Amino acid sequence: MKFAYYPGCSADGSGIEYGMSMERTAKILGFELQELEDWNCCGATSGHNTDKLLSLALPARNLAIAEKTGLNMMIAPCAACYSRHRHAEHAVQHDPEMKKKIEQVLDMELQGTSETLSILDVLVNKIGTEAIAAKVTNPLTTMKAASYYGCLLVRPVEDTGFDDPEDPQTMDKIMKALGADAVEWSHKTECCGAAMVTARPDVGTRMLYRVLKDAQQSGAECLVTACPLCMLNLDMRQNAVEKQFKEKFNLPIYYVTELLAIACGDAPKTVGIEKHFVEAGKYLETVKVRAQEAKIATEQAAQEAAAKAQAKAKTAAAAFVQEELKRQGECQD
């Protein structure tokens, strides 16, 4: 299976771990990523805050390049990149006048055939959780993870549509396939504050606090995301949140692709775990130890159950023999 690949600006910068683990995920699961030639920034927040046509033309140019590859499906790992490309797709497919304006600006034709996919959509609906589980060699048993989708991956539903906009489950399914416990919590689609944390820290930091607090109160020991900005805010700014609200969270933040690669045998360093701000390696070691203990306990329980079943069968067999001998004795009399 081959996909056009739009890495986005963060894959070699602030979200380098995401880029590293995306490549490992593709190799492990056997799908190919063909990076777009001469791709450009999607515009993200700056584009649609500046000019509507600009905000659509920037991602549309990438879609036009993807069309020329002959690959109809393009993976955009970053939630913001995914959102902007899906928004441009919708405009091209449903607004003929805007499509014409975009083509004039770009001096490129658009067929509207490219479909941008989230990595969550690919993993669950194209690869399948059974195929993922079959690759797991180091299951994340006992990991208590809060799957954090943020505000862009599943909304607006007319642009996305691959998961429930209020209670998405794709990342939860992936985590379960890796052996982890996906905790139920209420803030899985709440905004992390995005750039508001910089522009209005009095507002943005409180938004971050609410996400971290709800995850902690719901029993999560870590958060899992598929968005570089969510990762940056929750990981890099967690210490600032703790200082402001005088509470300790110490919640490691992971990309879903990092955990997939690790569960499938990669060393944490291979996917950049040491680059995280909140220490994330020790928790993985804790999970590894607990998983081994759980495996031993399960095996012992199975052995005990088998021994009890065997003893019960012997008892039943002996009782049957006694009953048969008794019956035969009565018949002789």
Protein backbone atom coordinates (compact mmCIF):
# COMPACT_ATOMS: atom_id res chain seq x y z
CA MET A 1 0.00 0.00 0.00
CA LYS A 2 1.43 3.36 -1.06
CA PHE A 3 0.46 6.86 0.04
CA ALA A 4 1.52 10.34 -0.96
CA TYR A 5 3.11 11.91 2.12
CA TYR A 6 2.92 15.48 3.34
CA PRO A 7 5.26 15.70 6.36
CA GLY A 8 4.50 19.35 7.17
CA CYS A 9 6.81 21.91 8.74
CA SER A 10 7.00 20.27 12.18
CA ALA A 11 8.29 16.83 11.09
CA ASP A 12 11.91 18.05 10.96
CA GLY A 13 11.58 20.64 13.72
CA SER A 14 9.37 20.91 16.78
CA GLY A 15 7.74 17.55 16.02
CA ILE A 16 10.80 15.65 14.85
CA GLU A 17 9.83 12.63 16.98
CA TYR A 18 6.59 12.46 15.03
CA GLY A 19 8.47 12.39 11.73
CA MET A 20 10.85 9.72 12.99
CA SER A 21 8.10 7.49 14.36
CA MET A 22 5.90 7.99 11.27
CA GLU A 23 8.65 6.54 9.10
CA ARG A 24 9.13 3.63 11.51
CA THR A 25 5.37 2.99 11.66
CA ALA A 26 5.19 2.80 7.86
CA LYS A 27 8.13 0.39 7.70
CA ILE A 28 6.81 -1.83 10.50
CA LEU A 29 3.31 -2.10 9.02
CA GLY A 30 4.49 -2.38 5.42
CA PHE A 31 3.07 0.69 3.74
CA GLU A 32 5.06 3.15 1.66
CA LEU A 33 5.28 6.93 2.02
CA GLN A 34 6.11 8.97 -1.07
CA GLU A 35 6.95 12.50 0.05
CA LEU A 36 5.53 15.24 -2.14
CA GLU A 37 8.14 17.08 -4.17
CA ASP A 38 8.39 20.82 -3.51
CA TRP A 39 5.59 20.84 -0.94
CA ASN A 40 4.79 24.08 0.88
CA CYS A 41 3.50 25.07 4.31
CA CYS A 42 -0.26 24.56 4.69
CA GLY A 43 -0.64 28.03 6.20
CA ALA A 44 -1.99 26.66 9.47
CA THR A 45 -3.48 29.30 11.76
CA SER A 46 -1.65 32.23 10.18
CA GLY A 47 -3.16 31.59 6.74
CA HIS A 48 -6.82 31.51 7.64
CA ASN A 49 -6.40 34.42 10.04
CA THR A 50 -4.98 36.50 7.19
CA ASP A 51 -6.91 35.78 4.00
CA LYS A 52 -9.46 33.12 3.01
CA LEU A 53 -8.15 32.63 -0.53
CA LEU A 54 -4.58 32.33 0.76
CA SER A 55 -5.66 29.82 3.39
CA LEU A 56 -7.17 27.59 0.70
CA ALA A 57 -4.56 28.12 -2.03
CA LEU A 58 -1.63 27.04 0.17
CA PRO A 59 -2.93 23.52 0.93
CA ALA A 60 -4.57 23.28 -2.51
CA ARG A 61 -1.14 23.57 -4.13
CA ASN A 62 -0.04 20.46 -2.24
CA LEU A 63 -3.20 18.68 -3.33
CA ALA A 64 -2.43 19.56 -6.96
CA ILE A 65 1.09 18.15 -6.56
CA ALA A 66 -0.37 14.99 -4.99
CA GLU A 67 -2.74 14.57 -7.95
CA LYS A 68 0.23 14.55 -10.33
CA THR A 69 1.77 11.60 -8.45
CA GLY A 70 -1.21 9.44 -9.38
CA LEU A 71 -1.70 8.58 -5.70
CA ASN A 72 -5.22 9.52 -4.60
CA MET A 73 -4.57 9.22 -0.86
CA MET A 74 -2.19 11.53 1.00
CA ILE A 75 -1.20 11.20 4.66
CA ALA A 76 -0.81 14.42 6.65
CA PRO A 77 0.24 13.37 10.20
CA CYS A 78 -0.12 16.84 11.77
CA ALA A 79 -3.69 17.56 12.89
CA ALA A 80 -3.49 21.19 11.73
CA CYS A 81 -2.08 20.20 8.33
CA TYR A 82 -4.74 17.52 8.02
CA SER A 83 -7.48 20.02 8.88
CA ARG A 84 -6.30 22.66 6.39
CA HIS A 85 -5.96 20.18 3.54
CA ARG A 86 -9.38 18.67 4.23
CA HIS A 87 -10.87 22.16 4.31
CA ALA A 88 -9.28 22.95 0.95
CA GLU A 89 -10.56 19.65 -0.48
CA HIS A 90 -14.10 20.53 0.60
CA ALA A 91 -13.87 23.96 -1.03
CA VAL A 92 -12.51 22.54 -4.29
CA GLN A 93 -15.20 19.86 -4.45
CA HIS A 94 -18.20 21.98 -3.39
CA ASP A 95 -17.46 25.58 -4.39
CA PRO A 96 -16.82 25.88 -8.17
CA GLU A 97 -16.25 29.63 -7.96
CA MET A 98 -13.62 29.30 -5.24
CA LYS A 99 -12.01 26.39 -7.11
CA LYS A 100 -11.59 28.64 -10.15
CA LYS A 101 -10.03 31.41 -8.04
CA ILE A 102 -7.60 28.97 -6.47
CA GLU A 103 -6.54 27.61 -9.86
CA GLN A 104 -5.95 31.16 -11.12
CA VAL A 105 -3.80 32.02 -8.10
CA LEU A 106 -1.78 28.82 -8.40
CA ASP A 107 -1.74 28.63 -12.17
CA MET A 108 -2.42 24.92 -11.65
CA GLU A 109 -5.43 22.74 -12.38
CA LEU A 110 -7.24 20.88 -9.61
CA GLN A 111 -9.19 17.70 -10.27
CA GLY A 112 -10.39 17.34 -6.69
CA THR A 113 -9.34 13.69 -6.57
CA SER A 114 -6.80 13.81 -3.73
CA GLU A 115 -7.98 12.68 -0.33
CA THR A 116 -6.01 13.73 2.74
CA LEU A 117 -5.94 11.13 5.51
CA SER A 118 -5.13 11.30 9.19
CA ILE A 119 -2.69 8.68 10.42
CA LEU A 120 -5.46 7.47 12.76
CA ASP A 121 -7.75 6.88 9.79
CA VAL A 122 -4.98 5.00 7.98
CA LEU A 123 -4.06 2.79 10.94
CA VAL A 124 -7.61 1.79 11.83
CA ASN A 125 -9.49 1.86 8.53
CA LYS A 126 -6.77 1.06 5.97
CA ILE A 127 -4.33 -1.16 7.89
CA GLY A 128 -6.63 -2.50 10.62
CA THR A 129 -6.12 -3.04 14.34
CA GLU A 130 -5.79 -6.82 13.90
CA ALA A 131 -2.83 -6.30 11.58
CA ILE A 132 -1.29 -3.89 14.11
CA ALA A 133 -1.80 -6.30 17.01
CA ALA A 134 -0.11 -9.06 14.98
CA LYS A 135 3.08 -6.96 14.86
CA VAL A 136 3.22 -6.27 18.61
CA THR A 137 6.16 -7.94 20.36
CA ASN A 138 6.35 -5.76 23.48
CA PRO A 139 2.72 -5.17 24.47
CA LEU A 140 2.04 -2.06 26.55
CA THR A 141 0.11 -4.09 29.11
CA THR A 142 -0.92 -2.04 32.21
CA MET A 143 -0.28 1.30 30.46
CA LYS A 144 -3.14 3.65 31.33
CA ALA A 145 -3.34 6.08 28.43
CA ALA A 146 -5.68 8.98 27.73
CA SER A 147 -6.12 9.31 23.96
CA TYR A 148 -6.09 13.04 23.19
CA TYR A 149 -7.54 13.96 19.80
CA GLY A 150 -7.70 17.72 20.31
CA CYS A 151 -10.03 20.01 18.41
CA LEU A 152 -8.93 19.51 14.76
CA LEU A 153 -8.73 15.80 13.96
CA VAL A 154 -12.44 15.00 14.06
CA ARG A 155 -14.07 18.42 13.56
CA PRO A 156 -15.78 19.87 11.63
CA VAL A 157 -17.38 16.55 10.73
CA GLU A 158 -18.25 17.68 7.17
CA ASP A 159 -14.50 18.02 6.50
CA THR A 160 -13.28 14.96 8.43
CA GLY A 161 -15.90 12.27 8.97
CA PHE A 162 -13.66 9.32 9.81
CA ASP A 163 -14.56 9.26 13.52
CA ASP A 164 -17.19 10.43 15.98
CA PRO A 165 -16.72 14.20 16.57
CA GLU A 166 -17.75 14.00 20.24
CA ASP A 167 -16.41 10.63 21.36
CA PRO A 168 -13.78 9.48 18.80
CA GLN A 169 -12.44 5.96 19.19
CA THR A 170 -9.76 5.39 16.54
CA MET A 171 -6.78 6.23 18.77
CA ASP A 172 -8.34 4.26 21.64
CA LYS A 173 -8.60 1.22 19.33
CA ILE A 174 -4.96 1.57 18.35
CA MET A 175 -3.86 1.77 21.98
CA LYS A 176 -5.88 -1.34 22.82
CA ALA A 177 -4.27 -3.15 19.88
CA LEU A 178 -0.89 -2.26 21.43
CA GLY A 179 -2.00 -3.81 24.71
CA ALA A 180 -2.65 -0.59 26.68
CA ASP A 181 -5.72 0.41 28.66
CA ALA A 182 -7.47 3.37 26.99
CA VAL A 183 -9.04 5.35 29.83
CA GLU A 184 -12.43 7.00 29.45
CA TRP A 185 -12.27 10.76 29.98
CA SER A 186 -14.24 13.86 29.07
CA HIS A 187 -11.58 16.15 27.56
CA LYS A 188 -10.39 14.02 24.63
CA THR A 189 -11.58 16.58 22.04
CA GLU A 190 -11.08 19.77 24.03
CA CYS A 191 -8.63 22.38 22.69
CA CYS A 192 -5.16 22.50 24.26
CA GLY A 193 -5.05 26.28 23.81
CA ALA A 194 -2.95 26.11 20.64
CA ALA A 195 -1.17 29.44 19.99
CA MET A 196 -3.35 31.06 22.66
CA VAL A 197 -0.86 29.76 25.21
CA THR A 198 1.65 32.23 23.76
CA ALA A 199 -0.67 35.11 22.84
CA ARG A 200 -2.87 34.92 25.95
CA PRO A 201 -1.16 32.70 28.50
CA ASP A 202 -3.75 33.67 31.11
CA VAL A 203 -6.35 31.90 28.93
CA GLY A 204 -4.27 29.23 27.20
CA THR A 205 -2.51 27.92 30.30
CA ARG A 206 -5.85 27.37 32.03
CA MET A 207 -7.05 25.38 29.01
CA LEU A 208 -3.97 23.19 29.27
CA TYR A 209 -4.54 22.76 33.00
CA ARG A 210 -8.08 21.49 32.44
CA VAL A 211 -6.92 18.87 29.95
CA LEU A 212 -4.13 17.61 32.20
CA LYS A 213 -6.33 17.68 35.30
CA ASP A 214 -9.13 15.69 33.70
CA ALA A 215 -6.70 13.10 32.37
CA GLN A 216 -5.15 12.69 35.82
CA GLN A 217 -8.50 12.48 37.61
CA SER A 218 -9.69 9.87 35.10
CA GLY A 219 -6.83 7.58 36.04
CA ALA A 220 -4.50 8.25 33.11
CA GLU A 221 -0.77 7.84 33.63
CA CYS A 222 0.11 9.34 30.25
CA LEU A 223 -1.47 11.12 27.27
CA VAL A 224 -1.25 10.08 23.62
CA THR A 225 -1.68 12.50 20.74
CA ALA A 226 -1.43 12.85 16.95
CA CYS A 227 -0.85 16.60 16.85
CA PRO A 228 2.55 18.35 17.09
CA LEU A 229 1.06 21.51 18.60
CA CYS A 230 -0.88 19.55 21.23
CA MET A 231 2.32 17.64 21.95
CA LEU A 232 4.33 20.85 22.25
CA ASN A 233 1.85 22.47 24.63
CA LEU A 234 1.20 19.45 26.85
CA ASP A 235 4.83 18.36 26.97
CA MET A 236 6.90 21.56 26.91
CA ARG A 237 4.48 23.70 28.92
CA GLN A 238 3.43 21.13 31.51
CA ASN A 239 6.02 22.40 33.97
CA ALA A 240 4.70 25.97 33.64
CA VAL A 241 1.15 24.73 34.26
CA GLU A 242 2.29 22.87 37.37
CA LYS A 243 3.99 25.99 38.73
CA GLN A 244 1.02 28.28 38.08
CA PHE A 245 -1.60 25.97 39.58
CA LYS A 246 0.69 24.48 42.24
CA GLU A 247 -0.14 20.90 41.26
CA LYS A 248 2.08 18.09 40.06
CA PHE A 249 0.99 16.06 37.05
CA ASN A 250 4.17 14.41 35.77
CA LEU A 251 2.21 12.95 32.84
CA PRO A 252 4.40 11.78 29.94
CA ILE A 253 3.07 12.75 26.50
CA TYR A 254 3.57 10.45 23.52
CA TYR A 255 2.80 10.44 19.82
CA VAL A 256 0.66 7.43 18.95
CA THR A 257 3.24 6.45 16.34
CA GLU A 258 6.02 6.44 18.95
CA LEU A 259 4.12 3.95 21.09
CA LEU A 260 3.24 1.81 18.09
CA ALA A 261 6.90 1.54 17.07
CA ILE A 262 7.99 0.75 20.64
CA ALA A 263 5.26 -1.88 21.10
CA CYS A 264 6.42 -3.46 17.85
CA GLY A 265 10.00 -3.81 19.07
CA ASP A 266 11.75 -0.47 18.51
CA ALA A 267 13.98 0.99 21.21
CA PRO A 268 12.57 4.28 22.61
CA LYS A 269 15.65 6.15 21.40
CA THR A 270 14.91 5.07 17.82
CA VAL A 271 11.79 7.24 17.79
CA GLY A 272 13.15 10.16 19.82
CA ILE A 273 11.65 9.59 23.27
CA GLU A 274 14.69 11.25 24.87
CA LYS A 275 13.73 14.52 23.13
CA HIS A 276 10.60 14.94 25.27
CA PHE A 277 10.45 17.64 27.94
CA VAL A 278 8.47 15.59 30.48
CA GLU A 279 10.59 12.52 31.25
CA ALA A 280 8.98 9.70 29.23
CA GLY A 281 11.47 6.83 29.28
CA LYS A 282 11.06 5.81 32.94
CA TYR A 283 7.32 5.30 32.59
CA LEU A 284 7.92 2.99 29.64
CA GLU A 285 10.31 0.97 31.81
CA THR A 286 7.67 0.83 34.57
CA VAL A 287 5.09 -0.41 32.07
CA LYS A 288 7.56 -3.02 30.81
CA VAL A 289 8.13 -4.39 34.32
CA ARG A 290 4.41 -4.39 35.14
CA ALA A 291 3.63 -6.08 31.83
CA GLN A 292 6.07 -8.88 32.62
CA GLU A 293 4.57 -9.29 36.09
CA ALA A 294 1.08 -9.38 34.59
CA LYS A 295 2.20 -12.01 32.06
CA ILE A 296 3.62 -14.21 34.83
CA ALA A 297 0.46 -13.79 36.91
CA THR A 298 -1.72 -14.71 33.92
CA GLU A 299 0.36 -17.79 33.18
CA GLN A 300 0.22 -18.88 36.84
CA ALA A 301 -3.55 -18.36 36.93
CA ALA A 302 -3.91 -20.41 33.75
CA GLN A 303 -1.79 -23.21 35.22
CA GLU A 304 -3.80 -23.19 38.44
CA ALA A 305 -7.06 -23.24 36.50
CA ALA A 306 -5.81 -26.13 34.37
CA ALA A 307 -4.72 -28.05 37.50
CA LYS A 308 -8.13 -27.50 39.12
CA ALA A 309 -9.91 -28.60 35.97
CA GLN A 310 -7.74 -31.71 35.80
CA ALA A 311 -8.39 -32.53 39.46
CA LYS A 312 -12.11 -32.00 38.96
CA ALA A 313 -12.07 -34.29 35.93
CA LYS A 314 -10.26 -37.01 37.90
CA THR A 315 -12.75 -36.71 40.74
CA ALA A 316 -15.64 -36.93 38.32
CA ALA A 317 -14.07 -39.94 36.61
CA ALA A 318 -13.53 -41.71 39.93
CA ALA A 319 -17.10 -41.02 40.96
CA PHE A 320 -18.33 -42.40 37.64
CA VAL A 321 -16.29 -45.59 38.12
CA GLN A 322 -17.67 -46.07 41.64
CA GLU A 323 -21.21 -45.52 40.46
CA GLU A 324 -20.72 -47.97 37.60
CA LEU A 325 -19.30 -50.62 39.91
CA LYS A 326 -22.19 -50.11 42.30
CA ARG A 327 -24.70 -50.47 39.46
CA GLN A 328 -23.05 -53.62 38.20
CA GLY A 329 -23.11 -55.08 41.74
CA GLU A 330 -26.81 -54.38 42.06
CA CYS A 331 -27.47 -56.06 38.74
CA GLN A 332 -25.66 -59.26 39.84
CA ASP A 333 -27.75 -59.42 43.00
